[in-house]
Protein backbone atom coordinates (compact mmCIF):
# COMPACT_ATOMS: atom_id res chain seq x y z
CA MET A 1 4.71 -50.23 -19.87
CA ARG A 2 3.02 -47.42 -21.77
CA ALA A 3 2.83 -43.98 -20.15
CA SER A 4 -0.84 -44.15 -19.23
CA SER A 5 -0.99 -47.73 -17.98
CA ILE A 6 -0.23 -47.10 -14.29
CA ALA A 7 -2.78 -44.29 -14.12
CA ASP A 8 -5.37 -46.37 -15.98
CA THR A 9 -5.18 -49.19 -13.47
CA ALA A 10 -7.06 -47.00 -10.99
CA GLN A 11 -10.16 -47.66 -13.12
CA VAL A 12 -9.79 -51.44 -12.83
CA GLY A 13 -11.15 -53.36 -9.87
CA VAL A 14 -13.24 -50.49 -8.50
CA GLY A 15 -15.38 -51.88 -5.68
CA ASP A 16 -12.88 -54.57 -4.74
CA PRO A 17 -11.76 -53.74 -1.16
CA MET A 18 -8.32 -55.31 -1.67
CA PHE A 19 -7.70 -53.37 -4.85
CA GLU A 20 -8.95 -50.12 -3.32
CA ALA A 21 -6.61 -50.59 -0.34
CA PHE A 22 -3.70 -51.25 -2.69
CA ASP A 23 -4.66 -48.30 -4.87
CA ARG A 24 -4.75 -45.91 -1.90
CA THR A 25 -1.43 -47.21 -0.58
CA TRP A 26 0.11 -46.79 -4.03
CA ARG A 27 -1.16 -43.20 -4.26
CA VAL A 28 0.31 -42.37 -0.85
CA PHE A 29 3.63 -43.73 -2.09
CA GLY A 30 3.30 -41.91 -5.42
CA THR A 31 2.46 -38.61 -3.72
CA GLY A 32 5.40 -38.89 -1.34
CA LEU A 33 7.76 -39.84 -4.16
CA SER A 34 6.54 -36.93 -6.26
CA PHE A 35 7.11 -34.35 -3.53
CA ALA A 36 10.54 -35.84 -2.77
CA VAL A 37 11.50 -35.52 -6.43
CA PHE A 38 10.13 -31.96 -6.45
CA GLY A 39 12.30 -30.95 -3.50
CA LEU A 40 15.43 -32.65 -4.77
CA GLY A 41 14.87 -31.17 -8.22
CA GLY A 42 14.72 -27.68 -6.74
CA LEU A 43 17.95 -28.32 -4.85
CA ALA A 44 19.65 -29.63 -7.99
CA LEU A 45 18.60 -26.56 -9.95
CA ARG A 46 20.03 -24.33 -7.25
CA LEU A 47 23.33 -26.14 -6.87
CA LEU A 48 24.05 -27.29 -10.42
CA VAL A 49 22.01 -25.60 -13.14
CA PHE A 50 21.59 -22.01 -11.99
CA PRO A 51 25.30 -21.46 -11.23
CA LEU A 52 26.11 -22.56 -14.79
CA LEU A 53 23.53 -20.14 -16.15
CA GLN A 54 25.01 -17.40 -13.99
CA ILE A 55 28.38 -18.00 -15.63
CA GLY A 56 27.22 -18.66 -19.17
CA VAL A 57 24.48 -16.03 -19.56
CA ARG A 58 25.64 -12.58 -18.53
CA ASN A 59 22.51 -10.68 -19.51
CA ALA A 60 20.25 -10.69 -16.44
CA ALA A 61 16.99 -10.31 -18.37
CA ARG A 62 17.89 -13.13 -20.76
CA ARG A 63 18.95 -15.33 -17.84
CA ARG A 64 15.66 -14.70 -16.05
CA VAL A 65 13.69 -15.76 -19.13
CA LEU A 66 15.72 -18.97 -19.41
CA VAL A 67 15.24 -19.74 -15.73
CA ARG A 68 11.48 -19.25 -16.02
CA LEU A 69 11.39 -21.53 -19.05
CA LEU A 70 13.31 -24.16 -17.09
CA VAL A 71 10.93 -23.83 -14.14
CA GLN A 72 7.94 -24.11 -16.48
CA ARG A 73 9.28 -27.30 -18.06
CA SER A 74 10.19 -28.74 -14.66
CA PHE A 75 6.71 -28.06 -13.28
CA ALA A 76 5.12 -29.59 -16.39
CA GLY A 77 7.29 -32.68 -15.94
CA PHE A 78 6.29 -32.89 -12.29
CA ILE A 79 2.59 -32.84 -13.20
CA GLN A 80 3.14 -35.52 -15.84
CA MET A 81 4.97 -37.67 -13.30
CA MET A 82 2.06 -37.45 -10.86
CA ARG A 83 -0.33 -38.37 -13.65
CA PHE A 84 1.85 -41.31 -14.71
CA LEU A 85 1.97 -42.57 -11.11
CA GLY A 86 -1.83 -42.49 -10.91
CA VAL A 87 -1.95 -39.73 -8.28
CA LEU A 88 -4.03 -37.34 -10.37
CA ARG A 89 -5.71 -36.55 -13.66
CA TYR A 90 -6.26 -33.13 -15.15
CA GLU A 91 -8.09 -31.19 -17.83
CA ILE A 92 -7.51 -27.63 -19.01
CA HIS A 93 -10.13 -25.59 -20.83
CA GLY A 94 -9.14 -22.40 -22.66
CA ARG A 95 -5.40 -23.05 -22.39
CA GLU A 96 -4.74 -20.94 -25.50
CA ARG A 97 -5.72 -17.81 -23.56
CA LEU A 98 -2.66 -18.29 -21.37
CA GLN A 99 -0.24 -18.25 -24.32
CA ARG A 100 -0.04 -14.46 -24.56
CA GLU A 101 2.28 -11.83 -23.12
CA GLY A 102 1.69 -9.30 -20.37
CA LEU A 103 -1.17 -11.13 -18.67
CA LEU A 104 -2.52 -10.59 -15.19
CA VAL A 105 -3.76 -14.07 -14.27
CA LEU A 106 -5.98 -14.35 -11.20
CA ALA A 107 -7.12 -17.71 -9.85
CA ASN A 108 -8.77 -19.25 -6.85
CA HIS A 109 -6.51 -21.34 -4.65
CA PRO A 110 -8.00 -24.64 -3.39
CA THR A 111 -4.85 -26.81 -3.33
CA LEU A 112 -1.10 -26.94 -2.89
CA LEU A 113 -0.59 -27.72 -6.58
CA ASP A 114 -2.40 -24.71 -8.08
CA VAL A 115 0.70 -22.61 -8.72
CA VAL A 116 2.49 -25.64 -10.19
CA PHE A 117 -0.34 -26.25 -12.67
CA LEU A 118 -0.51 -22.59 -13.69
CA ILE A 119 3.22 -22.00 -14.12
CA ALA A 120 3.45 -25.25 -16.11
CA GLN A 121 1.00 -23.76 -18.64
CA ILE A 122 2.07 -20.10 -18.77
CA PRO A 123 5.17 -18.91 -20.64
CA ASN A 124 7.42 -16.41 -18.83
CA ALA A 125 5.30 -16.76 -15.70
CA ASP A 126 5.89 -14.51 -12.72
CA CYS A 127 4.25 -14.82 -9.34
CA ILE A 128 4.19 -13.42 -5.82
CA VAL A 129 6.07 -15.61 -3.36
CA LYS A 130 6.49 -15.51 0.38
CA SER A 131 9.83 -14.17 1.58
CA ALA A 132 9.98 -17.21 3.89
CA LEU A 133 10.92 -19.27 0.80
CA LEU A 134 14.34 -17.66 0.97
CA ARG A 135 14.98 -19.87 4.00
CA ASN A 136 13.91 -23.01 2.12
CA PRO A 137 17.01 -24.74 0.68
CA PHE A 138 14.94 -26.43 -2.02
CA MET A 139 13.11 -23.32 -3.25
CA ARG A 140 15.55 -20.46 -2.56
CA GLY A 141 17.49 -20.96 -5.79
CA PRO A 142 14.54 -21.13 -8.21
CA VAL A 143 12.62 -18.16 -6.76
CA LEU A 144 15.70 -15.92 -6.75
CA ALA A 145 16.88 -16.93 -10.21
CA ALA A 146 13.40 -16.51 -11.71
CA GLY A 147 13.08 -12.97 -10.31
CA TYR A 148 9.67 -13.56 -8.74
CA VAL A 149 7.98 -10.78 -6.78
CA PHE A 150 8.36 -11.10 -3.01
CA ASN A 151 5.43 -10.20 -0.79
CA ASP A 152 7.47 -8.28 1.79
CA THR A 153 7.93 -5.08 -0.20
CA GLY A 154 5.13 -3.34 1.71
CA SER A 155 3.59 -0.37 -0.06
CA GLY A 156 5.76 -1.04 -3.09
CA LEU A 157 4.25 -4.47 -3.73
CA ILE A 158 1.51 -3.18 -6.03
CA GLU A 159 4.01 -1.16 -8.07
CA ASP A 160 6.31 -4.20 -8.29
CA CYS A 161 3.39 -6.24 -9.65
CA VAL A 162 2.44 -3.57 -12.17
CA ALA A 163 6.04 -3.34 -13.36
CA ALA A 164 6.27 -7.14 -13.74
CA VAL A 165 3.33 -7.17 -16.17
CA ARG A 166 4.46 -4.07 -18.07
CA HIS A 167 7.83 -5.70 -18.65
CA GLY A 168 6.10 -8.51 -20.53
CA GLY A 169 5.80 -11.08 -17.75
CA ASN A 170 2.63 -13.04 -17.07
CA LEU A 171 1.87 -12.41 -13.41
CA VAL A 172 -0.05 -15.04 -11.46
CA ILE A 173 -1.87 -13.86 -8.33
CA PHE A 174 -4.16 -15.72 -5.96
CA PRO A 175 -6.42 -12.96 -4.61
CA GLU A 176 -7.17 -15.00 -1.48
CA GLY A 177 -3.51 -14.73 -0.47
CA THR A 178 -3.55 -18.30 0.81
CA ARG A 179 -5.33 -21.57 0.13
CA THR A 180 -9.05 -21.78 0.72
CA ARG A 181 -10.06 -23.69 3.82
CA ARG A 182 -12.39 -26.51 2.95
CA GLY A 183 -16.01 -25.63 3.56
CA LYS A 184 -15.26 -21.94 4.09
CA PRO A 185 -16.38 -19.12 1.76
CA LEU A 186 -13.86 -17.36 -0.44
CA ARG A 187 -12.30 -14.32 1.20
CA LEU A 188 -10.47 -12.27 -1.39
CA GLN A 189 -8.05 -9.52 -0.53
CA ARG A 190 -8.15 -6.32 -2.58
CA GLY A 191 -4.49 -6.24 -3.56
CA ALA A 192 -5.02 -8.05 -6.88
CA ALA A 193 -7.82 -5.64 -7.81
CA HIS A 194 -5.56 -2.68 -7.02
CA VAL A 195 -2.88 -4.14 -9.31
CA ALA A 196 -5.37 -4.50 -12.16
CA LEU A 197 -6.78 -1.00 -11.69
CA ARG A 198 -3.43 0.71 -11.14
CA GLY A 199 -1.94 -0.89 -14.25
CA GLY A 200 -5.10 -0.76 -16.34
CA PHE A 201 -4.79 -4.52 -16.97
CA ASN A 202 -7.70 -6.67 -17.98
CA ILE A 203 -7.85 -9.84 -15.89
CA THR A 204 -7.41 -13.37 -17.23
CA PRO A 205 -9.37 -15.48 -14.72
CA VAL A 206 -8.72 -19.16 -14.03
CA ARG A 207 -11.18 -21.18 -11.99
CA ILE A 208 -9.50 -24.24 -10.42
CA CYS A 209 -11.39 -27.26 -9.13
CA CYS A 210 -10.07 -30.45 -7.54
CA GLU A 211 -12.39 -33.43 -7.16
CA PRO A 212 -12.21 -35.19 -4.79
CA MET A 213 -10.61 -32.45 -2.77
CA SER A 214 -7.08 -32.97 -1.40
CA LEU A 215 -3.94 -31.00 -0.53
CA GLY A 216 -6.03 -28.15 0.86
CA LYS A 217 -4.95 -25.77 3.58
CA GLY A 218 -4.03 -27.61 6.76
CA GLU A 219 -4.37 -31.03 5.10
CA LYS A 220 -1.56 -33.59 5.22
CA TRP A 221 -0.18 -34.78 1.89
CA TYR A 222 -0.53 -38.43 2.88
CA ARG A 223 -4.27 -38.10 3.51
CA VAL A 224 -5.08 -39.10 -0.04
CA PRO A 225 -8.71 -39.07 -1.22
CA PRO A 226 -10.62 -42.30 -1.99
CA ARG A 227 -9.81 -42.00 -5.72
CA ARG A 228 -7.46 -40.09 -7.98
CA MET A 229 -7.79 -36.31 -7.93
CA LEU A 230 -9.18 -34.68 -11.06
CA PHE A 231 -7.89 -31.14 -11.53
CA SER A 232 -9.98 -28.95 -13.79
CA LEU A 233 -8.66 -25.56 -14.90
CA HIS A 234 -11.12 -23.29 -16.70
CA VAL A 235 -9.52 -20.21 -18.27
CA GLY A 236 -12.26 -17.65 -18.77
CA ALA A 237 -12.57 -14.72 -21.13
CA ASP A 238 -10.70 -11.61 -20.03
CA ILE A 239 -12.49 -9.39 -17.53
CA PRO A 240 -12.23 -5.69 -18.50
CA VAL A 241 -11.54 -3.53 -15.46
CA ALA A 242 -12.27 -0.04 -16.84
CA GLY A 243 -15.97 -0.32 -16.09
CA PHE A 244 -15.37 -0.84 -12.38
CA ARG A 245 -14.15 2.75 -12.10
CA THR A 246 -17.45 4.07 -13.42
CA GLY A 247 -19.35 5.67 -10.57
CA ALA A 248 -16.63 4.80 -8.03
CA VAL A 249 -15.60 7.74 -5.85
CA ASP A 250 -11.99 6.55 -5.63
CA ASP A 251 -9.65 3.63 -6.31
CA SER A 252 -10.62 1.93 -3.05
CA ALA A 253 -14.28 1.84 -4.03
CA ALA A 254 -13.42 0.54 -7.51
CA ALA A 255 -11.17 -2.15 -6.00
CA ARG A 256 -13.95 -3.19 -3.64
CA ARG A 257 -16.42 -3.56 -6.53
CA LEU A 258 -13.92 -5.52 -8.61
CA THR A 259 -13.05 -7.79 -5.68
CA GLU A 260 -16.74 -8.54 -5.07
CA HIS A 261 -17.13 -9.41 -8.75
CA LEU A 262 -14.14 -11.73 -8.61
CA ALA A 263 -15.45 -13.45 -5.49
CA ASP A 264 -18.72 -14.17 -7.30
CA TYR A 265 -16.82 -15.37 -10.38
CA PHE A 266 -14.59 -17.80 -8.51
CA SER A 267 -17.50 -19.02 -6.43
CA GLY A 268 -19.33 -19.91 -9.65
CA GLU A 269 -22.08 -17.39 -9.07
């Protein structure tokens, strides 16, 4: 069976109640299978692959780059598996803008899969992760080996983020800090703006849309939508940050102005 045939069957028999019931049941199965593979893959990386890298690659910086490449390829494979199973479709506009070095990538955060999509597209991607992931047996290995920034460094978090970009990494930040609740307005925190202003980094914005909406905050994975999800990622032109300092009395005022601009951008206004 060709790679696209399972996904394409979702377009056949639309309007037939029996087919639609089968299609939804299949997508529940496909979603569960995908997340199971994701978890087991993370455990396998921790127990089998990363220890071998630890032994074979002594240079820590080189090892981190290899781990991030492995995570990127794994995430890309995961997305392709979900597409093959007919769980989702996707389209990416402006992908070439993500193929640079030293980017500060800011995105809205509607679904559980946003970080997976972004890291799958961005070379040498770095991101801010919750320290609680250290207690997750499936994710502990990858996040430690990849050298991601943990969010429990307090006042040093902004400096850690600035350093990550200056060292050539492509840092992904969701300014909301968590997934958007369906039907609620975007509420951006100012930390991402402070990182951009402190480091003097222009922002590479990515607007993410999922239609029909699924895997949002507080939503169960098995509550699949009536049809396959379509993920759309729109990578916009870089947003220069220098102008937001003009007329601002201090960094806090500049960060507030930049955050308001970002909220309008991600809201489509």
